[in-house]
Amino acid sequence: MIHALPGMGADKRMFPHPWNELPDFIAHDWPPYSGEKSLEDFAATMVEAFSIRDGDTVVGSSLGGMVACEIAKIRNLSGLFLVGSALHRNEVNKLLAMIHPLAAIAPIEWLKFSAGSVPTDLARMLAGVDASFIRNMCSAIFKWDGLGGHKVKCHRIHGKNDLIIPPPQHTDLLLDGGHLISITHAMQCAAFVRENLNCRP
């Protein structure tokens, strides 16, 4: 199975056609928030909620990619794909790192500010988001130790104009886009994943 995890405040609509043409592909919404305080806790919740097994592949956009890194510590994944995501909290925009406590006051407004121009589809996703989820995940990101030396094969797809998580030094596919490349460059992203499926270290 290929499990796809959305960004913070988003849902499975972050993976539009042709993502669904990948073999055994399923895009997930975030499960109902039940008070998780760390990315590790949320990864454990998602492994159980979505029956993620050894040998599966996980694709994660933004926050979903960070949670996918934690899933890789629980399950022996055959592939890990980060789409506009990070391997460690230090890769997140330094300004957002400084102002993230504001999410405790106005989490939805903070998320919209950090995303800049919010497309209509994403605005609809944000409308129903649980504010406590945003608050706690914002805090969790900036306490996160990252993937570390875990031996999973990790592929990175990134937008060269991403302001939330600026392009890292090494990417496997650098696209002419911003933070929402799983949506804006769905065809290129899905094609890259298809070409690199089941690549173990």
N, C-alpha and C. Protein backbone atom coordinates (compact mmCIF):
# COMPACT_ATOMS: atom_id res chain seq x y z
N MET A 1 0.84 -1.21 0.00
CA MET A 1 0.00 0.00 0.00
C MET A 1 0.87 1.26 0.00
N ILE A 2 0.36 2.29 -0.63
CA ILE A 2 0.97 3.62 -0.57
C ILE A 2 0.02 4.50 0.22
N HIS A 3 0.46 4.98 1.37
CA HIS A 3 -0.35 5.85 2.22
C HIS A 3 0.14 7.29 2.04
N ALA A 4 -0.78 8.22 1.79
CA ALA A 4 -0.42 9.62 1.61
C ALA A 4 -1.03 10.45 2.74
N LEU A 5 -0.19 11.25 3.38
CA LEU A 5 -0.59 12.06 4.54
C LEU A 5 -0.54 13.53 4.17
N PRO A 6 -1.59 14.30 4.47
CA PRO A 6 -1.66 15.70 4.06
C PRO A 6 -0.90 16.63 4.99
N GLY A 7 -0.89 17.90 4.62
CA GLY A 7 -0.28 18.93 5.45
C GLY A 7 -1.21 19.34 6.59
N MET A 8 -0.68 20.19 7.46
CA MET A 8 -1.43 20.64 8.63
C MET A 8 -2.69 21.40 8.22
N GLY A 9 -3.81 21.00 8.77
CA GLY A 9 -5.06 21.67 8.46
C GLY A 9 -5.68 21.26 7.14
N ALA A 10 -5.00 20.36 6.41
CA ALA A 10 -5.49 19.94 5.10
C ALA A 10 -6.07 18.52 5.19
N ASP A 11 -6.44 17.97 4.05
CA ASP A 11 -7.00 16.62 4.02
C ASP A 11 -6.57 15.93 2.73
N LYS A 12 -7.22 14.84 2.39
CA LYS A 12 -6.79 14.02 1.25
C LYS A 12 -6.87 14.75 -0.08
N ARG A 13 -7.53 15.92 -0.11
CA ARG A 13 -7.56 16.70 -1.34
C ARG A 13 -6.21 17.29 -1.70
N MET A 14 -5.23 17.15 -0.82
CA MET A 14 -3.87 17.57 -1.16
C MET A 14 -3.23 16.64 -2.19
N PHE A 15 -3.92 15.55 -2.51
CA PHE A 15 -3.38 14.57 -3.46
C PHE A 15 -4.41 14.33 -4.59
N PRO A 16 -4.57 15.34 -5.46
CA PRO A 16 -5.55 15.21 -6.54
C PRO A 16 -5.04 14.28 -7.65
N HIS A 17 -5.90 13.99 -8.60
CA HIS A 17 -5.51 13.22 -9.78
C HIS A 17 -4.26 13.84 -10.40
N PRO A 18 -3.24 13.07 -10.80
CA PRO A 18 -3.22 11.61 -10.98
C PRO A 18 -2.58 10.82 -9.84
N TRP A 19 -2.52 11.38 -8.63
CA TRP A 19 -1.99 10.60 -7.52
C TRP A 19 -2.72 9.25 -7.40
N ASN A 20 -4.02 9.27 -7.63
CA ASN A 20 -4.82 8.05 -7.43
C ASN A 20 -4.54 6.96 -8.46
N GLU A 21 -3.71 7.27 -9.45
CA GLU A 21 -3.33 6.25 -10.42
C GLU A 21 -2.14 5.41 -9.96
N LEU A 22 -1.51 5.80 -8.87
CA LEU A 22 -0.42 4.98 -8.32
C LEU A 22 -1.01 3.67 -7.79
N PRO A 23 -0.25 2.58 -7.87
CA PRO A 23 -0.79 1.28 -7.43
C PRO A 23 -1.06 1.25 -5.93
N ASP A 24 -2.26 0.76 -5.55
CA ASP A 24 -2.64 0.61 -4.14
C ASP A 24 -2.46 1.90 -3.37
N PHE A 25 -2.86 3.01 -3.98
CA PHE A 25 -2.69 4.33 -3.37
C PHE A 25 -3.94 4.71 -2.59
N ILE A 26 -3.72 5.24 -1.39
CA ILE A 26 -4.82 5.78 -0.61
C ILE A 26 -4.37 7.07 0.09
N ALA A 27 -5.11 8.14 -0.14
CA ALA A 27 -4.83 9.41 0.53
C ALA A 27 -5.73 9.51 1.76
N HIS A 28 -5.14 9.89 2.88
CA HIS A 28 -5.86 9.91 4.15
C HIS A 28 -6.18 11.33 4.59
N ASP A 29 -7.27 11.47 5.30
CA ASP A 29 -7.52 12.66 6.12
C ASP A 29 -6.82 12.42 7.46
N TRP A 30 -6.62 13.50 8.22
CA TRP A 30 -6.13 13.32 9.58
C TRP A 30 -7.23 12.63 10.40
N PRO A 31 -6.86 11.68 11.25
CA PRO A 31 -7.88 11.07 12.11
C PRO A 31 -8.39 12.09 13.13
N PRO A 32 -9.53 11.84 13.74
CA PRO A 32 -10.03 12.76 14.77
C PRO A 32 -8.96 13.01 15.83
N TYR A 33 -8.78 14.27 16.18
CA TYR A 33 -7.73 14.61 17.13
C TYR A 33 -8.11 14.17 18.53
N SER A 34 -7.18 13.46 19.17
CA SER A 34 -7.47 12.94 20.52
C SER A 34 -6.42 13.36 21.54
N GLY A 35 -5.82 14.53 21.33
CA GLY A 35 -4.94 15.10 22.34
C GLY A 35 -3.48 14.78 22.21
N GLU A 36 -3.04 14.22 21.07
CA GLU A 36 -1.62 13.91 20.90
C GLU A 36 -0.78 15.18 21.03
N LYS A 37 0.36 15.06 21.70
CA LYS A 37 1.21 16.23 21.95
C LYS A 37 2.49 16.23 21.13
N SER A 38 2.83 15.12 20.50
CA SER A 38 4.08 15.02 19.75
C SER A 38 3.83 14.37 18.40
N LEU A 39 4.78 14.54 17.49
CA LEU A 39 4.68 13.88 16.20
C LEU A 39 4.80 12.36 16.36
N GLU A 40 5.56 11.93 17.34
CA GLU A 40 5.68 10.49 17.61
C GLU A 40 4.33 9.91 18.01
N ASP A 41 3.62 10.63 18.89
CA ASP A 41 2.29 10.17 19.32
C ASP A 41 1.33 10.10 18.13
N PHE A 42 1.39 11.12 17.27
CA PHE A 42 0.46 11.14 16.16
C PHE A 42 0.79 10.05 15.15
N ALA A 43 2.08 9.76 14.99
CA ALA A 43 2.47 8.67 14.09
C ALA A 43 1.91 7.35 14.57
N ALA A 44 1.99 7.11 15.87
CA ALA A 44 1.44 5.87 16.43
C ALA A 44 -0.06 5.78 16.21
N THR A 45 -0.75 6.90 16.38
CA THR A 45 -2.19 6.93 16.13
C THR A 45 -2.50 6.57 14.68
N MET A 46 -1.73 7.12 13.74
CA MET A 46 -2.01 6.91 12.32
C MET A 46 -1.67 5.49 11.88
N VAL A 47 -0.61 4.93 12.45
CA VAL A 47 -0.26 3.54 12.13
C VAL A 47 -1.42 2.61 12.45
N GLU A 48 -2.05 2.84 13.60
CA GLU A 48 -3.17 2.00 13.99
C GLU A 48 -4.44 2.35 13.22
N ALA A 49 -4.72 3.64 13.07
CA ALA A 49 -5.96 4.07 12.42
C ALA A 49 -6.02 3.63 10.97
N PHE A 50 -4.86 3.63 10.29
CA PHE A 50 -4.85 3.35 8.86
C PHE A 50 -4.20 2.02 8.51
N SER A 51 -3.91 1.22 9.52
CA SER A 51 -3.33 -0.12 9.31
C SER A 51 -2.09 -0.06 8.43
N ILE A 52 -1.16 0.82 8.77
CA ILE A 52 0.10 0.92 8.04
C ILE A 52 1.00 -0.22 8.48
N ARG A 53 1.48 -0.99 7.52
CA ARG A 53 2.21 -2.23 7.80
C ARG A 53 3.66 -2.15 7.31
N ASP A 54 4.48 -3.08 7.81
CA ASP A 54 5.82 -3.25 7.26
C ASP A 54 5.70 -3.49 5.75
N GLY A 55 6.60 -2.88 4.98
CA GLY A 55 6.58 -3.04 3.54
C GLY A 55 5.75 -2.02 2.80
N ASP A 56 4.95 -1.22 3.53
CA ASP A 56 4.17 -0.15 2.89
C ASP A 56 5.08 1.03 2.54
N THR A 57 4.55 1.91 1.72
CA THR A 57 5.21 3.16 1.36
C THR A 57 4.38 4.31 1.92
N VAL A 58 5.04 5.34 2.44
CA VAL A 58 4.33 6.51 2.95
C VAL A 58 4.83 7.76 2.23
N VAL A 59 3.87 8.54 1.74
CA VAL A 59 4.12 9.84 1.12
C VAL A 59 3.56 10.89 2.06
N GLY A 60 4.34 11.91 2.37
CA GLY A 60 3.84 12.94 3.28
C GLY A 60 4.12 14.33 2.77
N SER A 61 3.10 15.18 2.80
CA SER A 61 3.25 16.58 2.42
C SER A 61 3.32 17.44 3.68
N SER A 62 4.34 18.28 3.77
CA SER A 62 4.49 19.22 4.88
C SER A 62 4.47 18.48 6.22
N LEU A 63 3.53 18.80 7.12
CA LEU A 63 3.44 18.10 8.40
C LEU A 63 3.29 16.59 8.20
N GLY A 64 2.56 16.20 7.16
CA GLY A 64 2.40 14.78 6.88
C GLY A 64 3.72 14.07 6.64
N GLY A 65 4.67 14.77 6.04
CA GLY A 65 5.99 14.18 5.82
C GLY A 65 6.76 13.99 7.11
N MET A 66 6.61 14.94 8.03
CA MET A 66 7.29 14.82 9.33
C MET A 66 6.71 13.65 10.11
N VAL A 67 5.38 13.51 10.08
CA VAL A 67 4.75 12.37 10.74
C VAL A 67 5.17 11.07 10.05
N ALA A 68 5.31 11.12 8.72
CA ALA A 68 5.77 9.94 7.99
C ALA A 68 7.16 9.50 8.44
N CYS A 69 8.02 10.46 8.75
CA CYS A 69 9.35 10.13 9.28
C CYS A 69 9.24 9.35 10.58
N GLU A 70 8.29 9.73 11.43
CA GLU A 70 8.08 9.02 12.69
C GLU A 70 7.47 7.64 12.44
N ILE A 71 6.62 7.52 11.43
CA ILE A 71 6.07 6.22 11.09
C ILE A 71 7.18 5.27 10.65
N ALA A 72 8.19 5.83 9.97
CA ALA A 72 9.33 5.01 9.52
C ALA A 72 10.12 4.43 10.69
N LYS A 73 9.96 5.00 11.87
CA LYS A 73 10.62 4.45 13.06
C LYS A 73 9.80 3.33 13.70
N ILE A 74 8.53 3.25 13.32
CA ILE A 74 7.63 2.24 13.86
C ILE A 74 7.51 1.05 12.92
N ARG A 75 7.44 1.34 11.62
CA ARG A 75 7.27 0.32 10.60
C ARG A 75 8.48 0.27 9.67
N ASN A 76 8.77 -0.90 9.15
CA ASN A 76 9.85 -1.09 8.20
C ASN A 76 9.31 -0.78 6.80
N LEU A 77 9.33 0.49 6.44
CA LEU A 77 8.73 0.94 5.20
C LEU A 77 9.60 0.58 4.00
N SER A 78 8.94 0.33 2.88
CA SER A 78 9.70 0.09 1.65
C SER A 78 10.05 1.40 0.95
N GLY A 79 9.39 2.48 1.32
CA GLY A 79 9.70 3.78 0.75
C GLY A 79 9.12 4.91 1.56
N LEU A 80 9.82 6.04 1.57
CA LEU A 80 9.38 7.25 2.27
C LEU A 80 9.60 8.42 1.32
N PHE A 81 8.53 9.15 1.02
CA PHE A 81 8.60 10.28 0.10
C PHE A 81 8.13 11.54 0.82
N LEU A 82 9.00 12.54 0.91
CA LEU A 82 8.65 13.81 1.53
C LEU A 82 8.38 14.83 0.43
N VAL A 83 7.19 15.42 0.45
CA VAL A 83 6.78 16.38 -0.57
C VAL A 83 6.64 17.74 0.10
N GLY A 84 7.63 18.61 -0.10
CA GLY A 84 7.59 19.90 0.56
C GLY A 84 7.60 19.75 2.07
N SER A 85 8.45 18.86 2.57
CA SER A 85 8.47 18.56 4.00
C SER A 85 9.89 18.63 4.53
N ALA A 86 10.05 18.24 5.78
CA ALA A 86 11.33 18.41 6.47
C ALA A 86 11.80 17.11 7.11
N LEU A 87 13.11 17.01 7.26
CA LEU A 87 13.72 15.90 8.00
C LEU A 87 14.01 16.27 9.44
N HIS A 88 13.95 17.56 9.76
CA HIS A 88 14.25 18.05 11.10
C HIS A 88 13.63 19.43 11.26
N ARG A 89 13.32 19.80 12.48
CA ARG A 89 12.69 21.11 12.73
C ARG A 89 13.55 22.27 12.23
N ASN A 90 14.86 22.09 12.16
CA ASN A 90 15.75 23.17 11.74
C ASN A 90 15.56 23.55 10.27
N GLU A 91 14.86 22.72 9.51
CA GLU A 91 14.63 23.04 8.11
C GLU A 91 13.43 23.96 7.90
N VAL A 92 12.62 24.14 8.93
CA VAL A 92 11.45 25.00 8.82
C VAL A 92 11.89 26.47 8.87
N ASN A 93 11.20 27.31 8.11
CA ASN A 93 11.50 28.73 8.05
C ASN A 93 11.74 29.30 9.45
N LYS A 94 12.86 29.98 9.61
CA LYS A 94 13.26 30.48 10.92
C LYS A 94 12.28 31.49 11.49
N LEU A 95 11.64 32.28 10.61
CA LEU A 95 10.65 33.24 11.10
C LEU A 95 9.47 32.51 11.73
N LEU A 96 9.01 31.45 11.07
CA LEU A 96 7.90 30.68 11.64
C LEU A 96 8.31 30.04 12.96
N ALA A 97 9.56 29.62 13.05
CA ALA A 97 10.04 29.05 14.31
C ALA A 97 9.93 30.07 15.44
N MET A 98 10.21 31.34 15.12
CA MET A 98 10.17 32.37 16.16
C MET A 98 8.74 32.74 16.55
N ILE A 99 7.82 32.74 15.58
CA ILE A 99 6.47 33.23 15.87
C ILE A 99 5.47 32.11 16.14
N HIS A 100 5.91 30.83 16.11
CA HIS A 100 4.94 29.75 16.25
C HIS A 100 4.15 29.79 17.56
N PRO A 101 4.68 30.39 18.66
CA PRO A 101 3.82 30.48 19.86
C PRO A 101 2.51 31.24 19.62
N LEU A 102 2.46 32.08 18.58
CA LEU A 102 1.22 32.80 18.28
C LEU A 102 0.09 31.86 17.90
N ALA A 103 0.44 30.65 17.47
CA ALA A 103 -0.60 29.68 17.11
C ALA A 103 -1.46 29.31 18.32
N ALA A 104 -0.90 29.47 19.52
CA ALA A 104 -1.66 29.18 20.73
C ALA A 104 -2.79 30.20 20.93
N ILE A 105 -2.61 31.39 20.34
CA ILE A 105 -3.61 32.44 20.48
C ILE A 105 -4.64 32.38 19.36
N ALA A 106 -4.13 32.27 18.12
CA ALA A 106 -5.03 32.28 16.96
C ALA A 106 -4.51 31.27 15.94
N PRO A 107 -4.71 29.99 16.19
CA PRO A 107 -4.08 28.96 15.36
C PRO A 107 -4.45 28.99 13.89
N ILE A 108 -5.71 29.22 13.56
CA ILE A 108 -6.11 29.21 12.16
C ILE A 108 -5.54 30.42 11.44
N GLU A 109 -5.59 31.58 12.09
CA GLU A 109 -5.04 32.78 11.49
C GLU A 109 -3.53 32.62 11.29
N TRP A 110 -2.85 31.98 12.25
CA TRP A 110 -1.41 31.75 12.12
C TRP A 110 -1.12 30.86 10.93
N LEU A 111 -1.91 29.81 10.76
CA LEU A 111 -1.69 28.88 9.65
C LEU A 111 -1.90 29.59 8.32
N LYS A 112 -2.94 30.41 8.22
CA LYS A 112 -3.19 31.13 6.98
C LYS A 112 -2.06 32.12 6.70
N PHE A 113 -1.56 32.77 7.75
CA PHE A 113 -0.45 33.70 7.57
C PHE A 113 0.79 32.97 7.07
N SER A 114 1.08 31.83 7.67
CA SER A 114 2.30 31.10 7.31
C SER A 114 2.22 30.55 5.89
N ALA A 115 1.01 30.24 5.44
CA ALA A 115 0.85 29.69 4.09
C ALA A 115 0.85 30.77 3.03
N GLY A 116 0.71 32.03 3.40
CA GLY A 116 0.65 33.10 2.42
C GLY A 116 -0.67 33.07 1.69
N SER A 117 -0.63 33.14 0.37
CA SER A 117 -1.84 33.09 -0.44
C SER A 117 -2.44 31.69 -0.36
N VAL A 118 -3.66 31.60 0.12
CA VAL A 118 -4.30 30.31 0.33
C VAL A 118 -5.29 30.02 -0.80
N PRO A 119 -5.03 28.98 -1.62
CA PRO A 119 -5.98 28.64 -2.69
C PRO A 119 -7.35 28.30 -2.11
N THR A 120 -8.37 28.42 -2.96
CA THR A 120 -9.74 28.19 -2.53
C THR A 120 -9.93 26.81 -1.91
N ASP A 121 -9.40 25.77 -2.55
CA ASP A 121 -9.56 24.42 -2.04
C ASP A 121 -8.96 24.28 -0.65
N LEU A 122 -7.76 24.87 -0.45
CA LEU A 122 -7.13 24.77 0.86
C LEU A 122 -7.91 25.58 1.89
N ALA A 123 -8.46 26.71 1.49
CA ALA A 123 -9.27 27.51 2.42
C ALA A 123 -10.46 26.70 2.91
N ARG A 124 -11.07 25.91 2.03
CA ARG A 124 -12.19 25.07 2.44
C ARG A 124 -11.73 24.01 3.43
N MET A 125 -10.55 23.46 3.21
CA MET A 125 -10.01 22.47 4.15
C MET A 125 -9.80 23.11 5.52
N LEU A 126 -9.23 24.31 5.54
CA LEU A 126 -8.92 24.98 6.80
C LEU A 126 -10.18 25.31 7.60
N ALA A 127 -11.29 25.49 6.89
CA ALA A 127 -12.52 25.92 7.56
C ALA A 127 -12.97 24.95 8.64
N GLY A 128 -12.70 23.66 8.46
CA GLY A 128 -13.19 22.68 9.43
C GLY A 128 -12.12 22.12 10.35
N VAL A 129 -10.95 22.74 10.38
CA VAL A 129 -9.85 22.17 11.14
C VAL A 129 -10.04 22.38 12.65
N ASP A 130 -9.58 21.42 13.43
CA ASP A 130 -9.65 21.48 14.89
C ASP A 130 -8.52 22.40 15.39
N ALA A 131 -8.89 23.49 16.03
CA ALA A 131 -7.90 24.48 16.48
C ALA A 131 -6.89 23.88 17.44
N SER A 132 -7.32 22.97 18.30
CA SER A 132 -6.38 22.36 19.26
C SER A 132 -5.35 21.50 18.54
N PHE A 133 -5.74 20.87 17.43
CA PHE A 133 -4.80 20.11 16.62
C PHE A 133 -3.72 21.04 16.07
N ILE A 134 -4.13 22.19 15.52
CA ILE A 134 -3.16 23.15 14.98
C ILE A 134 -2.22 23.63 16.08
N ARG A 135 -2.78 24.00 17.22
CA ARG A 135 -1.97 24.50 18.33
C ARG A 135 -0.91 23.50 18.75
N ASN A 136 -1.34 22.27 18.99
CA ASN A 136 -0.41 21.27 19.52
C ASN A 136 0.59 20.78 18.48
N MET A 137 0.18 20.69 17.22
CA MET A 137 1.13 20.27 16.19
C MET A 137 2.15 21.36 15.88
N CYS A 138 1.73 22.64 15.95
CA CYS A 138 2.71 23.73 15.78
C CYS A 138 3.79 23.63 16.85
N SER A 139 3.37 23.37 18.07
CA SER A 139 4.33 23.23 19.15
C SER A 139 5.19 21.97 18.96
N ALA A 140 4.56 20.88 18.53
CA ALA A 140 5.28 19.62 18.37
C ALA A 140 6.36 19.71 17.30
N ILE A 141 6.09 20.42 16.21
CA ILE A 141 7.07 20.54 15.12
C ILE A 141 8.38 21.12 15.64
N PHE A 142 8.27 22.16 16.47
CA PHE A 142 9.47 22.86 16.91
C PHE A 142 10.13 22.22 18.14
N LYS A 143 9.65 21.04 18.50
CA LYS A 143 10.32 20.20 19.50
C LYS A 143 10.83 18.90 18.88
N TRP A 144 10.59 18.73 17.60
CA TRP A 144 10.82 17.46 16.91
C TRP A 144 12.30 17.27 16.61
N ASP A 145 12.82 16.08 16.90
CA ASP A 145 14.23 15.77 16.66
C ASP A 145 14.51 15.26 15.25
N GLY A 146 13.48 14.97 14.48
CA GLY A 146 13.68 14.59 13.10
C GLY A 146 13.90 13.11 12.88
N LEU A 147 14.14 12.78 11.63
CA LEU A 147 14.32 11.37 11.25
C LEU A 147 15.61 10.79 11.80
N GLY A 148 16.63 11.62 11.93
CA GLY A 148 17.91 11.14 12.45
C GLY A 148 18.57 10.18 11.48
N GLY A 149 19.25 9.20 12.02
CA GLY A 149 19.99 8.25 11.19
C GLY A 149 19.20 7.02 10.82
N HIS A 150 17.88 7.09 10.91
CA HIS A 150 17.07 5.92 10.61
C HIS A 150 17.29 5.48 9.16
N LYS A 151 17.43 4.18 8.96
CA LYS A 151 17.86 3.66 7.66
C LYS A 151 16.69 3.32 6.74
N VAL A 152 15.87 4.30 6.47
CA VAL A 152 14.83 4.14 5.47
C VAL A 152 15.24 4.96 4.24
N LYS A 153 14.94 4.45 3.07
CA LYS A 153 15.25 5.20 1.86
C LYS A 153 14.27 6.36 1.74
N CYS A 154 14.79 7.57 1.80
CA CYS A 154 13.95 8.77 1.80
C CYS A 154 14.19 9.56 0.52
N HIS A 155 13.10 9.80 -0.21
CA HIS A 155 13.14 10.63 -1.41
C HIS A 155 12.51 11.98 -1.09
N ARG A 156 13.12 13.04 -1.61
CA ARG A 156 12.62 14.38 -1.31
C ARG A 156 12.23 15.12 -2.58
N ILE A 157 10.97 15.58 -2.59
CA ILE A 157 10.44 16.40 -3.67
C ILE A 157 10.16 17.77 -3.06
N HIS A 158 10.60 18.83 -3.72
CA HIS A 158 10.47 20.14 -3.10
C HIS A 158 10.20 21.21 -4.16
N GLY A 159 9.55 22.28 -3.73
CA GLY A 159 9.35 23.45 -4.58
C GLY A 159 10.45 24.46 -4.32
N LYS A 160 11.04 24.97 -5.38
CA LYS A 160 12.17 25.89 -5.18
C LYS A 160 11.74 27.23 -4.61
N ASN A 161 10.43 27.51 -4.63
CA ASN A 161 9.91 28.76 -4.07
C ASN A 161 9.17 28.55 -2.75
N ASP A 162 9.42 27.44 -2.10
CA ASP A 162 8.76 27.13 -0.83
C ASP A 162 9.28 28.06 0.26
N LEU A 163 8.38 28.85 0.85
CA LEU A 163 8.77 29.79 1.90
C LEU A 163 8.58 29.22 3.30
N ILE A 164 7.80 28.16 3.44
CA ILE A 164 7.55 27.58 4.75
C ILE A 164 8.69 26.64 5.13
N ILE A 165 9.04 25.76 4.21
CA ILE A 165 10.20 24.89 4.38
C ILE A 165 11.08 25.14 3.17
N PRO A 166 12.04 26.05 3.28
CA PRO A 166 12.88 26.37 2.12
C PRO A 166 13.57 25.13 1.57
N PRO A 167 13.89 25.12 0.28
CA PRO A 167 14.52 23.94 -0.31
C PRO A 167 15.77 23.51 0.46
N PRO A 168 15.84 22.24 0.83
CA PRO A 168 17.02 21.75 1.53
C PRO A 168 18.21 21.64 0.57
N GLN A 169 19.37 21.40 1.12
CA GLN A 169 20.58 21.32 0.30
C GLN A 169 20.48 20.20 -0.73
N HIS A 170 19.88 19.10 -0.33
CA HIS A 170 19.72 17.97 -1.26
C HIS A 170 18.25 17.67 -1.49
N THR A 171 17.85 17.67 -2.75
CA THR A 171 16.52 17.19 -3.12
C THR A 171 16.68 16.21 -4.28
N ASP A 172 15.73 15.29 -4.38
CA ASP A 172 15.75 14.36 -5.50
C ASP A 172 15.00 14.91 -6.70
N LEU A 173 14.02 15.78 -6.43
CA LEU A 173 13.26 16.42 -7.50
C LEU A 173 12.91 17.83 -7.04
N LEU A 174 13.46 18.83 -7.70
CA LEU A 174 13.21 20.23 -7.35
C LEU A 174 12.33 20.83 -8.45
N LEU A 175 11.14 21.26 -8.06
CA LEU A 175 10.15 21.75 -9.01
C LEU A 175 9.97 23.26 -8.90
N ASP A 176 9.48 23.86 -9.96
CA ASP A 176 9.27 25.30 -9.99
C ASP A 176 7.91 25.62 -9.35
N GLY A 177 7.86 25.50 -8.04
CA GLY A 177 6.62 25.72 -7.32
C GLY A 177 6.89 26.12 -5.89
N GLY A 178 5.81 26.22 -5.10
CA GLY A 178 5.92 26.61 -3.71
C GLY A 178 5.67 25.45 -2.76
N HIS A 179 4.98 25.76 -1.65
CA HIS A 179 4.81 24.76 -0.60
C HIS A 179 3.75 23.71 -0.93
N LEU A 180 2.86 24.02 -1.86
CA LEU A 180 1.73 23.14 -2.14
C LEU A 180 1.94 22.31 -3.41
N ILE A 181 3.16 21.84 -3.64
CA ILE A 181 3.47 21.16 -4.90
C ILE A 181 2.75 19.83 -5.05
N SER A 182 2.30 19.23 -3.96
CA SER A 182 1.53 17.98 -4.12
C SER A 182 0.24 18.25 -4.89
N ILE A 183 -0.24 19.50 -4.83
CA ILE A 183 -1.44 19.92 -5.56
C ILE A 183 -1.07 20.54 -6.89
N THR A 184 -0.19 21.54 -6.86
CA THR A 184 0.10 22.31 -8.07
C THR A 184 0.92 21.53 -9.09
N HIS A 185 1.70 20.56 -8.62
CA HIS A 185 2.55 19.76 -9.50
C HIS A 185 2.27 18.27 -9.28
N ALA A 186 0.98 17.96 -9.18
CA ALA A 186 0.59 16.58 -8.88
C ALA A 186 1.12 15.59 -9.90
N MET A 187 1.10 15.94 -11.17
CA MET A 187 1.54 15.01 -12.21
C MET A 187 3.01 14.66 -12.07
N GLN A 188 3.86 15.69 -11.87
CA GLN A 188 5.29 15.45 -11.73
C GLN A 188 5.61 14.68 -10.45
N CYS A 189 4.94 15.03 -9.37
CA CYS A 189 5.18 14.35 -8.09
C CYS A 189 4.79 12.88 -8.17
N ALA A 190 3.59 12.61 -8.68
CA ALA A 190 3.12 11.23 -8.77
C ALA A 190 4.00 10.41 -9.70
N ALA A 191 4.45 11.01 -10.80
CA ALA A 191 5.33 10.29 -11.74
C ALA A 191 6.65 9.93 -11.06
N PHE A 192 7.19 10.85 -10.25
CA PHE A 192 8.44 10.57 -9.55
C PHE A 192 8.27 9.43 -8.55
N VAL A 193 7.17 9.45 -7.81
CA VAL A 193 6.93 8.37 -6.85
C VAL A 193 6.82 7.05 -7.59
N ARG A 194 6.08 7.02 -8.69
CA ARG A 194 5.93 5.77 -9.45
C ARG A 194 7.30 5.22 -9.89
N GLU A 195 8.17 6.12 -10.34
CA GLU A 195 9.48 5.70 -10.84
C GLU A 195 10.39 5.17 -9.74
N ASN A 196 10.10 5.55 -8.50
CA ASN A 196 11.02 5.22 -7.40
C ASN A 196 10.38 4.35 -6.32
N LEU A 197 9.29 3.67 -6.64
CA LEU A 197 8.63 2.82 -5.67
C LEU A 197 9.50 1.64 -5.27
N ASN A 198 9.32 1.22 -4.01
CA ASN A 198 9.98 0.01 -3.50
C ASN A 198 11.49 0.07 -3.58
N CYS A 199 12.04 1.28 -3.35
CA CYS A 199 13.50 1.44 -3.34
C CYS A 199 13.99 1.39 -1.90
N ARG A 200 14.60 0.28 -1.53
CA ARG A 200 15.14 0.14 -0.18
C ARG A 200 16.58 0.69 -0.15
N PRO A 201 17.07 1.04 1.05
CA PRO A 201 18.45 1.54 1.13
C PRO A 201 19.45 0.47 0.75
